[in-house]
Amino acid sequence: MRWYSFPPKSLRPQLKLRVPKGGELEAEVTATFLETPIEIQCEGENKHFIHRAEITQELELHRNRP
């Protein structure tokens, strides 16, 4: 699943999932920003960069087993 926001603004995707008894859910959430948190400079001929910053978090959910 992917969510995006254009024009850029606050985005809060909401999702409901059903996990069967004894089920597990593994997920990786990645947020991509069009700006870097620190300034990056590179000098020289024919150098072109697209500035991006990514934050990734892995989640693991185990439903209680009887």
N, C-alpha and C. Protein backbone atom coordinates (compact mmCIF):
# COMPACT_ATOMS: atom_id res chain seq x y z
N MET A 1 0.84 -1.17 0.00
CA MET A 1 0.00 0.00 0.00
C MET A 1 0.89 1.23 0.00
N ARG A 2 0.48 2.23 -0.71
CA ARG A 2 1.23 3.49 -0.74
C ARG A 2 0.27 4.65 -0.54
N TRP A 3 0.73 5.66 0.18
CA TRP A 3 0.00 6.90 0.34
C TRP A 3 0.93 8.03 -0.08
N TYR A 4 0.37 9.06 -0.62
CA TYR A 4 1.18 10.24 -0.91
C TYR A 4 0.32 11.48 -0.80
N SER A 5 1.00 12.61 -0.70
CA SER A 5 0.30 13.87 -0.56
C SER A 5 0.87 14.86 -1.57
N PHE A 6 0.01 15.40 -2.41
CA PHE A 6 0.44 16.45 -3.33
C PHE A 6 -0.69 17.46 -3.42
N PRO A 7 -0.49 18.73 -3.18
CA PRO A 7 0.78 19.32 -2.76
C PRO A 7 1.17 18.84 -1.36
N PRO A 8 2.46 18.94 -1.03
CA PRO A 8 2.93 18.44 0.26
C PRO A 8 2.19 19.07 1.44
N LYS A 9 1.71 18.23 2.32
CA LYS A 9 1.06 18.68 3.55
C LYS A 9 1.08 17.51 4.52
N SER A 10 0.52 17.69 5.67
CA SER A 10 0.49 16.63 6.67
C SER A 10 -0.36 15.47 6.15
N LEU A 11 0.13 14.26 6.33
CA LEU A 11 -0.57 13.08 5.84
C LEU A 11 -0.62 12.06 6.97
N ARG A 12 -1.83 11.61 7.31
CA ARG A 12 -2.02 10.63 8.39
C ARG A 12 -2.87 9.47 7.87
N PRO A 13 -2.24 8.52 7.21
CA PRO A 13 -3.03 7.36 6.73
C PRO A 13 -3.54 6.55 7.91
N GLN A 14 -4.78 6.07 7.80
CA GLN A 14 -5.37 5.24 8.84
C GLN A 14 -5.79 3.92 8.22
N LEU A 15 -5.58 2.85 8.94
CA LEU A 15 -5.82 1.52 8.41
C LEU A 15 -6.31 0.60 9.51
N LYS A 16 -7.31 -0.21 9.22
CA LYS A 16 -7.78 -1.22 10.17
C LYS A 16 -7.49 -2.59 9.57
N LEU A 17 -6.88 -3.45 10.36
CA LEU A 17 -6.56 -4.81 9.92
C LEU A 17 -7.14 -5.82 10.90
N ARG A 18 -7.55 -6.94 10.39
CA ARG A 18 -7.98 -8.05 11.25
C ARG A 18 -6.92 -9.13 11.17
N VAL A 19 -6.43 -9.53 12.33
CA VAL A 19 -5.42 -10.57 12.41
C VAL A 19 -6.05 -11.77 13.12
N PRO A 20 -6.08 -12.94 12.49
CA PRO A 20 -6.70 -14.11 13.14
C PRO A 20 -5.90 -14.54 14.37
N LYS A 21 -6.56 -15.33 15.25
CA LYS A 21 -5.87 -15.83 16.44
C LYS A 21 -4.60 -16.54 16.02
N GLY A 22 -3.53 -16.23 16.71
CA GLY A 22 -2.24 -16.84 16.41
C GLY A 22 -1.58 -16.25 15.18
N GLY A 23 -2.20 -15.24 14.59
CA GLY A 23 -1.64 -14.63 13.38
C GLY A 23 -0.53 -13.64 13.71
N GLU A 24 0.23 -13.30 12.71
CA GLU A 24 1.32 -12.34 12.85
C GLU A 24 1.26 -11.35 11.69
N LEU A 25 1.77 -10.17 11.92
CA LEU A 25 1.85 -9.15 10.89
C LEU A 25 3.23 -8.54 10.93
N GLU A 26 3.89 -8.53 9.80
CA GLU A 26 5.18 -7.86 9.66
C GLU A 26 5.01 -6.76 8.64
N ALA A 27 5.53 -5.59 8.93
CA ALA A 27 5.39 -4.46 8.01
C ALA A 27 6.64 -3.60 8.06
N GLU A 28 6.89 -2.91 6.97
CA GLU A 28 7.96 -1.92 6.91
C GLU A 28 7.34 -0.63 6.42
N VAL A 29 7.49 0.42 7.20
CA VAL A 29 6.92 1.72 6.87
C VAL A 29 8.07 2.64 6.50
N THR A 30 8.01 3.23 5.29
CA THR A 30 9.04 4.14 4.83
C THR A 30 8.40 5.47 4.48
N ALA A 31 8.94 6.54 5.04
CA ALA A 31 8.50 7.90 4.72
C ALA A 31 9.62 8.57 3.93
N THR A 32 9.29 9.13 2.77
CA THR A 32 10.27 9.80 1.92
C THR A 32 9.97 11.30 1.92
N PHE A 33 10.97 12.09 2.24
CA PHE A 33 10.84 13.54 2.29
C PHE A 33 11.63 14.16 1.15
N LEU A 34 11.14 15.25 0.61
CA LEU A 34 11.80 15.91 -0.51
C LEU A 34 12.91 16.85 -0.08
N GLU A 35 13.22 16.85 1.19
CA GLU A 35 14.31 17.67 1.72
C GLU A 35 15.17 16.80 2.61
N THR A 36 16.42 17.17 2.75
CA THR A 36 17.32 16.45 3.66
C THR A 36 17.37 17.20 4.99
N PRO A 37 17.54 16.47 6.10
CA PRO A 37 17.55 17.13 7.41
C PRO A 37 18.81 17.97 7.64
N ILE A 38 19.86 17.73 6.86
CA ILE A 38 21.08 18.53 6.96
C ILE A 38 21.45 18.99 5.55
N GLU A 39 22.16 20.07 5.46
CA GLU A 39 22.55 20.60 4.17
C GLU A 39 23.64 19.73 3.55
N ILE A 40 23.48 19.40 2.29
CA ILE A 40 24.47 18.60 1.57
C ILE A 40 24.91 19.39 0.35
N GLN A 41 26.22 19.57 0.20
CA GLN A 41 26.74 20.29 -0.95
C GLN A 41 27.76 19.42 -1.67
N CYS A 42 27.76 19.52 -2.98
CA CYS A 42 28.74 18.81 -3.79
C CYS A 42 29.10 19.71 -4.95
N GLU A 43 30.39 19.88 -5.19
CA GLU A 43 30.82 20.77 -6.25
C GLU A 43 31.55 19.99 -7.33
N GLY A 44 31.43 20.45 -8.54
CA GLY A 44 32.13 19.82 -9.66
C GLY A 44 31.26 19.84 -10.90
N GLU A 45 31.88 19.51 -12.02
CA GLU A 45 31.15 19.52 -13.29
C GLU A 45 30.27 18.28 -13.41
N ASN A 46 29.12 18.47 -14.05
CA ASN A 46 28.20 17.37 -14.36
C ASN A 46 27.76 16.57 -13.13
N LYS A 47 27.56 17.23 -12.03
CA LYS A 47 27.05 16.58 -10.83
C LYS A 47 25.63 17.07 -10.59
N HIS A 48 24.70 16.13 -10.55
CA HIS A 48 23.30 16.46 -10.35
C HIS A 48 22.74 15.54 -9.27
N PHE A 49 22.03 16.12 -8.31
CA PHE A 49 21.49 15.35 -7.20
C PHE A 49 20.01 15.64 -7.02
N ILE A 50 19.28 14.64 -6.63
CA ILE A 50 17.90 14.83 -6.20
C ILE A 50 17.91 14.61 -4.69
N HIS A 51 17.61 15.65 -3.96
CA HIS A 51 17.66 15.56 -2.50
C HIS A 51 16.44 14.83 -1.97
N ARG A 52 16.68 13.81 -1.19
CA ARG A 52 15.62 13.03 -0.55
C ARG A 52 16.11 12.59 0.83
N ALA A 53 15.21 12.36 1.71
CA ALA A 53 15.53 11.76 3.01
C ALA A 53 14.47 10.68 3.24
N GLU A 54 14.91 9.52 3.72
CA GLU A 54 13.99 8.43 4.01
C GLU A 54 14.12 7.99 5.45
N ILE A 55 12.99 7.73 6.07
CA ILE A 55 12.95 7.18 7.42
C ILE A 55 12.17 5.87 7.31
N THR A 56 12.76 4.79 7.80
CA THR A 56 12.13 3.48 7.71
C THR A 56 11.99 2.87 9.10
N GLN A 57 10.84 2.25 9.35
CA GLN A 57 10.61 1.56 10.62
C GLN A 57 9.98 0.20 10.31
N GLU A 58 10.52 -0.84 10.92
CA GLU A 58 9.95 -2.17 10.78
C GLU A 58 9.06 -2.47 11.97
N LEU A 59 7.89 -3.07 11.71
CA LEU A 59 6.93 -3.38 12.75
C LEU A 59 6.63 -4.88 12.73
N GLU A 60 6.41 -5.43 13.90
CA GLU A 60 6.04 -6.84 14.01
C GLU A 60 4.95 -6.95 15.06
N LEU A 61 3.82 -7.54 14.69
CA LEU A 61 2.69 -7.67 15.59
C LEU A 61 2.35 -9.14 15.75
N HIS A 62 2.28 -9.61 16.99
CA HIS A 62 1.88 -10.99 17.30
C HIS A 62 0.59 -10.91 18.11
N ARG A 63 -0.44 -11.53 17.60
CA ARG A 63 -1.71 -11.54 18.33
C ARG A 63 -1.61 -12.55 19.46
N ASN A 64 -2.18 -12.20 20.60
CA ASN A 64 -2.14 -13.10 21.76
C ASN A 64 -2.68 -14.46 21.39
N ARG A 65 -1.98 -15.45 21.82
CA ARG A 65 -2.41 -16.82 21.56
C ARG A 65 -3.08 -17.38 22.81
N PRO A 66 -4.17 -18.17 22.62
CA PRO A 66 -4.90 -18.69 23.79
C PRO A 66 -4.07 -19.65 24.61
